Amino acid sequence: MIGAPPGGFAGPVKRSVTIAGHATSISLEPAFWSALERAAEARALPLNALIAQIDALRITAADPPNLASALRTWLLATLR
């Protein structure tokens, strides 16, 4: 039997970030925001800098996904 995640289920939360000097907003579930914050801290980077690095990788893809999808995918791959 499976259970709900710690803290329950939660919908996306929109945050503003700055990437390469441009403000944008990203909607992610709180669990993904927390995981991104931990990943940035582990790399001694500001959150915006980590997101900018992931965005730079994303735009090199043949068919780049939206930024929120790229962040989720990067986190999943990193946490494995």
N, C-alpha and C. Protein backbone atom coordinates (compact mmCIF):
# COMPACT_ATOMS: atom_id res chain seq x y z
N MET A 1 0.85 -1.18 0.00
CA MET A 1 0.00 0.00 0.00
C MET A 1 0.89 1.24 0.00
N ILE A 2 0.48 2.26 -0.71
CA ILE A 2 1.24 3.51 -0.77
C ILE A 2 0.56 4.55 0.11
N GLY A 3 1.28 5.58 0.44
CA GLY A 3 0.72 6.67 1.24
C GLY A 3 0.97 8.00 0.58
N ALA A 4 0.36 9.01 1.13
CA ALA A 4 0.55 10.37 0.62
C ALA A 4 1.96 10.83 0.98
N PRO A 5 2.51 11.76 0.23
CA PRO A 5 3.83 12.30 0.56
C PRO A 5 3.78 13.06 1.88
N PRO A 6 4.94 13.20 2.54
CA PRO A 6 4.97 13.98 3.78
C PRO A 6 4.43 15.38 3.53
N GLY A 7 3.53 15.83 4.37
CA GLY A 7 2.93 17.14 4.18
C GLY A 7 1.73 17.12 3.25
N GLY A 8 1.43 15.97 2.67
CA GLY A 8 0.28 15.85 1.77
C GLY A 8 0.57 16.32 0.36
N PHE A 9 -0.46 16.37 -0.43
CA PHE A 9 -0.34 16.81 -1.82
C PHE A 9 -0.55 18.32 -1.89
N ALA A 10 0.18 18.98 -2.76
CA ALA A 10 0.05 20.43 -2.90
C ALA A 10 0.22 20.81 -4.36
N GLY A 11 -0.55 21.79 -4.77
CA GLY A 11 -0.46 22.28 -6.14
C GLY A 11 0.71 23.22 -6.33
N PRO A 12 0.92 23.64 -7.56
CA PRO A 12 2.06 24.50 -7.87
C PRO A 12 1.99 25.87 -7.17
N VAL A 13 3.18 26.38 -6.89
CA VAL A 13 3.36 27.71 -6.33
C VAL A 13 4.21 28.50 -7.33
N LYS A 14 3.74 29.69 -7.68
CA LYS A 14 4.46 30.51 -8.65
C LYS A 14 5.46 31.39 -7.91
N ARG A 15 6.69 31.41 -8.42
CA ARG A 15 7.74 32.28 -7.88
C ARG A 15 8.40 33.03 -9.03
N SER A 16 8.89 34.21 -8.73
CA SER A 16 9.64 34.99 -9.71
C SER A 16 11.13 34.71 -9.51
N VAL A 17 11.83 34.51 -10.61
CA VAL A 17 13.27 34.31 -10.59
C VAL A 17 13.89 35.17 -11.68
N THR A 18 15.17 35.42 -11.55
CA THR A 18 15.89 36.19 -12.57
C THR A 18 16.91 35.29 -13.23
N ILE A 19 16.82 35.18 -14.54
CA ILE A 19 17.73 34.36 -15.33
C ILE A 19 18.38 35.26 -16.38
N ALA A 20 19.69 35.35 -16.34
CA ALA A 20 20.44 36.18 -17.28
C ALA A 20 19.90 37.61 -17.32
N GLY A 21 19.56 38.14 -16.17
CA GLY A 21 19.09 39.50 -16.08
C GLY A 21 17.63 39.72 -16.43
N HIS A 22 16.90 38.65 -16.72
CA HIS A 22 15.49 38.75 -17.09
C HIS A 22 14.62 38.07 -16.05
N ALA A 23 13.61 38.78 -15.58
CA ALA A 23 12.67 38.19 -14.62
C ALA A 23 11.71 37.27 -15.34
N THR A 24 11.42 36.15 -14.71
CA THR A 24 10.42 35.22 -15.23
C THR A 24 9.75 34.56 -14.04
N SER A 25 8.61 33.96 -14.26
CA SER A 25 7.95 33.25 -13.16
C SER A 25 7.88 31.78 -13.51
N ILE A 26 8.00 30.96 -12.48
CA ILE A 26 7.98 29.51 -12.63
C ILE A 26 6.99 28.95 -11.62
N SER A 27 6.16 28.03 -12.05
CA SER A 27 5.22 27.36 -11.16
C SER A 27 5.69 25.94 -10.91
N LEU A 28 5.99 25.64 -9.66
CA LEU A 28 6.40 24.30 -9.25
C LEU A 28 5.71 23.96 -7.93
N GLU A 29 5.53 22.69 -7.69
CA GLU A 29 4.99 22.23 -6.42
C GLU A 29 6.02 22.53 -5.32
N PRO A 30 5.54 22.77 -4.08
CA PRO A 30 6.46 23.08 -2.97
C PRO A 30 7.59 22.05 -2.80
N ALA A 31 7.31 20.79 -3.02
CA ALA A 31 8.36 19.77 -2.87
C ALA A 31 9.50 20.01 -3.86
N PHE A 32 9.19 20.46 -5.07
CA PHE A 32 10.22 20.75 -6.06
C PHE A 32 10.99 22.01 -5.69
N TRP A 33 10.30 23.03 -5.17
CA TRP A 33 11.01 24.23 -4.72
C TRP A 33 11.99 23.88 -3.61
N SER A 34 11.56 23.06 -2.67
CA SER A 34 12.44 22.66 -1.56
C SER A 34 13.64 21.88 -2.07
N ALA A 35 13.40 20.96 -3.01
CA ALA A 35 14.50 20.17 -3.57
C ALA A 35 15.48 21.06 -4.34
N LEU A 36 14.97 22.04 -5.07
CA LEU A 36 15.85 22.98 -5.78
C LEU A 36 16.68 23.80 -4.81
N GLU A 37 16.06 24.26 -3.74
CA GLU A 37 16.79 25.03 -2.73
C GLU A 37 17.91 24.20 -2.11
N ARG A 38 17.62 22.93 -1.80
CA ARG A 38 18.65 22.04 -1.24
C ARG A 38 19.77 21.80 -2.25
N ALA A 39 19.41 21.61 -3.52
CA ALA A 39 20.41 21.38 -4.56
C ALA A 39 21.30 22.61 -4.73
N ALA A 40 20.70 23.80 -4.69
CA ALA A 40 21.48 25.04 -4.80
C ALA A 40 22.42 25.19 -3.61
N GLU A 41 21.92 24.92 -2.43
CA GLU A 41 22.74 25.02 -1.22
C GLU A 41 23.91 24.03 -1.26
N ALA A 42 23.63 22.81 -1.71
CA ALA A 42 24.68 21.78 -1.80
C ALA A 42 25.78 22.19 -2.77
N ARG A 43 25.44 23.01 -3.76
CA ARG A 43 26.41 23.46 -4.76
C ARG A 43 26.95 24.85 -4.45
N ALA A 44 26.56 25.39 -3.29
CA ALA A 44 26.96 26.74 -2.88
C ALA A 44 26.61 27.78 -3.94
N LEU A 45 25.40 27.66 -4.48
CA LEU A 45 24.91 28.58 -5.50
C LEU A 45 23.64 29.26 -5.02
N PRO A 46 23.41 30.49 -5.44
CA PRO A 46 22.08 31.07 -5.25
C PRO A 46 21.07 30.28 -6.09
N LEU A 47 19.84 30.24 -5.63
CA LEU A 47 18.80 29.50 -6.36
C LEU A 47 18.69 29.97 -7.81
N ASN A 48 18.71 31.29 -8.03
CA ASN A 48 18.62 31.81 -9.40
C ASN A 48 19.76 31.30 -10.27
N ALA A 49 20.95 31.17 -9.70
CA ALA A 49 22.10 30.70 -10.49
C ALA A 49 21.93 29.24 -10.89
N LEU A 50 21.43 28.42 -9.97
CA LEU A 50 21.19 27.01 -10.32
C LEU A 50 20.13 26.91 -11.42
N ILE A 51 19.05 27.66 -11.26
CA ILE A 51 17.99 27.63 -12.28
C ILE A 51 18.54 28.11 -13.62
N ALA A 52 19.38 29.13 -13.62
CA ALA A 52 19.97 29.63 -14.86
C ALA A 52 20.84 28.56 -15.52
N GLN A 53 21.59 27.80 -14.72
CA GLN A 53 22.43 26.73 -15.29
C GLN A 53 21.57 25.63 -15.90
N ILE A 54 20.49 25.26 -15.23
CA ILE A 54 19.59 24.24 -15.77
C ILE A 54 18.93 24.77 -17.04
N ASP A 55 18.55 26.04 -17.04
CA ASP A 55 17.95 26.65 -18.23
C ASP A 55 18.91 26.64 -19.40
N ALA A 56 20.18 26.92 -19.14
CA ALA A 56 21.18 26.91 -20.21
C ALA A 56 21.31 25.51 -20.81
N LEU A 57 21.24 24.49 -19.97
CA LEU A 57 21.27 23.11 -20.49
C LEU A 57 20.01 22.80 -21.29
N ARG A 58 18.88 23.27 -20.78
CA ARG A 58 17.58 23.01 -21.41
C ARG A 58 17.53 23.54 -22.83
N ILE A 59 18.02 24.74 -23.04
CA ILE A 59 17.86 25.36 -24.36
C ILE A 59 18.79 24.75 -25.40
N THR A 60 19.72 23.89 -24.99
CA THR A 60 20.57 23.20 -25.96
C THR A 60 19.92 21.92 -26.49
N ALA A 61 18.80 21.51 -25.88
CA ALA A 61 18.11 20.29 -26.32
C ALA A 61 17.51 20.50 -27.71
N ALA A 62 17.39 19.41 -28.44
CA ALA A 62 16.81 19.48 -29.78
C ALA A 62 15.38 20.01 -29.75
N ASP A 63 14.61 19.58 -28.78
CA ASP A 63 13.23 20.03 -28.61
C ASP A 63 13.05 20.43 -27.15
N PRO A 64 13.52 21.63 -26.76
CA PRO A 64 13.55 21.99 -25.35
C PRO A 64 12.16 22.02 -24.70
N PRO A 65 12.04 21.41 -23.53
CA PRO A 65 10.78 21.48 -22.79
C PRO A 65 10.65 22.85 -22.13
N ASN A 66 9.50 23.12 -21.53
CA ASN A 66 9.39 24.38 -20.79
C ASN A 66 10.30 24.31 -19.56
N LEU A 67 10.58 25.44 -18.96
CA LEU A 67 11.55 25.50 -17.88
C LEU A 67 11.09 24.68 -16.67
N ALA A 68 9.83 24.75 -16.31
CA ALA A 68 9.34 23.99 -15.15
C ALA A 68 9.56 22.49 -15.37
N SER A 69 9.27 22.00 -16.56
CA SER A 69 9.50 20.58 -16.86
C SER A 69 10.97 20.23 -16.79
N ALA A 70 11.82 21.11 -17.30
CA ALA A 70 13.26 20.87 -17.26
C ALA A 70 13.76 20.81 -15.81
N LEU A 71 13.25 21.69 -14.96
CA LEU A 71 13.66 21.68 -13.55
C LEU A 71 13.23 20.39 -12.86
N ARG A 72 12.00 19.96 -13.09
CA ARG A 72 11.53 18.71 -12.49
C ARG A 72 12.35 17.53 -12.98
N THR A 73 12.61 17.47 -14.27
CA THR A 73 13.37 16.37 -14.85
C THR A 73 14.81 16.35 -14.31
N TRP A 74 15.43 17.52 -14.23
CA TRP A 74 16.80 17.62 -13.70
C TRP A 74 16.83 17.14 -12.25
N LEU A 75 15.86 17.58 -11.46
CA LEU A 75 15.81 17.16 -10.06
C LEU A 75 15.64 15.65 -9.93
N LEU A 76 14.75 15.09 -10.70
CA LEU A 76 14.53 13.64 -10.65
C LEU A 76 15.81 12.89 -11.00
N ALA A 77 16.48 13.32 -12.05
CA ALA A 77 17.74 12.67 -12.46
C ALA A 77 18.82 12.84 -11.40
N THR A 78 18.86 14.01 -10.78
CA THR A 78 19.89 14.31 -9.77
C THR A 78 19.66 13.51 -8.49
N LEU A 79 18.42 13.30 -8.14
CA LEU A 79 18.10 12.61 -6.89
C LEU A 79 18.18 11.10 -7.00
N ARG A 80 18.34 10.59 -8.18
CA ARG A 80 18.42 9.13 -8.36
C ARG A 80 19.77 8.62 -7.97
